[in-house]
Amino acid sequence: MTLKERVNASIEKVRPPLEADGGGIELVDVLEDEKVVLVNLTGACHGCPMSTMTIKGFVEQTIIEDVPEIKEVRLA
């Protein structure tokens, strides 16, 4: 499984809770040389004042647990 496939599988784990709040997430890119994941938040999550906390405290934490090579998750 490629790094991008592993990241995408991890994103699928965080998608249901975001959708439960009317939001969503989409994978934009995996910068393999930097070990950084770029995502967009959609729906109610897009522009939400809590989006930074959602990315850092939930999405990034989950992805790094699942794919330890990843160092950071950023909004694209």
C-alpha atoms as a PDB file:
ATOM      1  CA  MET A   1       0.000   0.000   0.000  1.00  0.00           C
ATOM      2  CA  THR A   2       1.406   3.400  -0.962  1.00  0.00           C
ATOM      3  CA  LEU A   3       1.788   6.269   1.472  1.00  0.00           C
ATOM      4  CA  LYS A   4      -1.078   8.124  -0.218  1.00  0.00           C
ATOM      5  CA  GLU A   5      -3.342   5.062   0.015  1.00  0.00           C
ATOM      6  CA  ARG A   6      -2.557   4.693   3.720  1.00  0.00           C
ATOM      7  CA  VAL A   7      -3.303   8.387   4.331  1.00  0.00           C
ATOM      8  CA  ASN A   8      -6.559   8.086   2.401  1.00  0.00           C
ATOM      9  CA  ALA A   9      -7.590   5.072   4.510  1.00  0.00           C
ATOM     10  CA  SER A  10      -6.932   7.115   7.649  1.00  0.00           C
ATOM     11  CA  ILE A  11      -8.990  10.016   6.303  1.00  0.00           C
ATOM     12  CA  GLU A  12     -11.872   7.602   5.802  1.00  0.00           C
ATOM     13  CA  LYS A  13     -11.791   7.023   9.573  1.00  0.00           C
ATOM     14  CA  VAL A  14     -12.214  10.726  10.381  1.00  0.00           C
ATOM     15  CA  ARG A  15     -14.831  11.369   7.693  1.00  0.00           C
ATOM     16  CA  PRO A  16     -17.932  10.010   9.569  1.00  0.00           C
ATOM     17  CA  PRO A  17     -17.572  12.268  12.650  1.00  0.00           C
ATOM     18  CA  LEU A  18     -17.066  15.311  10.416  1.00  0.00           C
ATOM     19  CA  GLU A  19     -20.091  14.383   8.314  1.00  0.00           C
ATOM     20  CA  ALA A  20     -22.149  13.954  11.495  1.00  0.00           C
ATOM     21  CA  ASP A  21     -21.574  17.685  12.124  1.00  0.00           C
ATOM     22  CA  GLY A  22     -22.450  18.632   8.541  1.00  0.00           C
ATOM     23  CA  GLY A  23     -18.864  18.855   7.354  1.00  0.00           C
ATOM     24  CA  GLY A  24     -16.459  16.844   5.313  1.00  0.00           C
ATOM     25  CA  ILE A  25     -12.849  16.397   4.317  1.00  0.00           C
ATOM     26  CA  GLU A  26     -11.046  15.781   1.069  1.00  0.00           C
ATOM     27  CA  LEU A  27      -7.457  14.763   0.480  1.00  0.00           C
ATOM     28  CA  VAL A  28      -5.697  17.262  -1.776  1.00  0.00           C
ATOM     29  CA  ASP A  29      -2.159  15.857  -1.813  1.00  0.00           C
ATOM     30  CA  VAL A  30       0.512  14.009   0.102  1.00  0.00           C
ATOM     31  CA  LEU A  31       3.868  15.774  -0.119  1.00  0.00           C
ATOM     32  CA  GLU A  32       5.961  12.652   0.287  1.00  0.00           C
ATOM     33  CA  ASP A  33       9.313  14.466   0.415  1.00  0.00           C
ATOM     34  CA  GLU A  34       8.085  16.704   3.265  1.00  0.00           C
ATOM     35  CA  LYS A  35       5.819  14.046   4.870  1.00  0.00           C
ATOM     36  CA  VAL A  36       2.962  16.566   4.861  1.00  0.00           C
ATOM     37  CA  VAL A  37      -0.699  15.939   4.053  1.00  0.00           C
ATOM     38  CA  LEU A  38      -2.812  18.678   2.460  1.00  0.00           C
ATOM     39  CA  VAL A  39      -6.587  18.546   2.972  1.00  0.00           C
ATOM     40  CA  ASN A  40      -9.640  20.705   2.427  1.00  0.00           C
ATOM     41  CA  LEU A  41     -12.487  20.879   4.886  1.00  0.00           C
ATOM     42  CA  THR A  42     -15.909  21.074   3.269  1.00  0.00           C
ATOM     43  CA  GLY A  43     -19.492  21.749   4.266  1.00  0.00           C
ATOM     44  CA  ALA A  44     -19.976  23.146   7.757  1.00  0.00           C
ATOM     45  CA  CYS A  45     -16.271  22.581   8.528  1.00  0.00           C
ATOM     46  CA  HIS A  46     -15.144  24.979   5.770  1.00  0.00           C
ATOM     47  CA  GLY A  47     -14.407  28.319   7.399  1.00  0.00           C
ATOM     48  CA  CYS A  48     -15.474  27.144  10.844  1.00  0.00           C
ATOM     49  CA  PRO A  49     -13.603  28.943  13.651  1.00  0.00           C
ATOM     50  CA  MET A  50     -12.762  25.521  15.106  1.00  0.00           C
ATOM     51  CA  SER A  51     -11.243  24.196  11.850  1.00  0.00           C
ATOM     52  CA  THR A  52      -7.649  24.590  13.051  1.00  0.00           C
ATOM     53  CA  MET A  53      -8.422  22.584  16.166  1.00  0.00           C
ATOM     54  CA  THR A  54     -10.218  19.979  14.047  1.00  0.00           C
ATOM     55  CA  ILE A  55      -7.183  19.634  11.771  1.00  0.00           C
ATOM     56  CA  LYS A  56      -4.519  19.588  14.486  1.00  0.00           C
ATOM     57  CA  GLY A  57      -6.372  17.912  17.334  1.00  0.00           C
ATOM     58  CA  PHE A  58      -8.332  15.288  15.451  1.00  0.00           C
ATOM     59  CA  VAL A  59      -7.382  14.792  11.802  1.00  0.00           C
ATOM     60  CA  GLU A  60      -3.603  15.168  12.210  1.00  0.00           C
ATOM     61  CA  GLN A  61      -3.530  13.063  15.361  1.00  0.00           C
ATOM     62  CA  THR A  62      -5.447  10.230  13.672  1.00  0.00           C
ATOM     63  CA  ILE A  63      -3.346  10.287  10.508  1.00  0.00           C
ATOM     64  CA  ILE A  64      -0.047  10.330  12.421  1.00  0.00           C
ATOM     65  CA  GLU A  65      -1.208   7.399  14.567  1.00  0.00           C
ATOM     66  CA  ASP A  66      -2.108   5.431  11.434  1.00  0.00           C
ATOM     67  CA  VAL A  67       0.783   6.627   9.242  1.00  0.00           C
ATOM     68  CA  PRO A  68       3.694   7.537  11.545  1.00  0.00           C
ATOM     69  CA  GLU A  69       5.842   8.760   8.640  1.00  0.00           C
ATOM     70  CA  ILE A  70       3.552  11.783   8.293  1.00  0.00           C
ATOM     71  CA  LYS A  71       4.784  14.817  10.227  1.00  0.00           C
ATOM     72  CA  GLU A  72       1.999  17.354   9.659  1.00  0.00           C
ATOM     73  CA  VAL A  73      -1.483  17.897   8.223  1.00  0.00           C
ATOM     74  CA  ARG A  74      -2.279  21.297   6.715  1.00  0.00           C
ATOM     75  CA  LEU A  75      -5.220  22.965   5.054  1.00  0.00           C
ATOM     76  CA  ALA A  76      -4.551  23.323   1.338  1.00  0.00           C
END
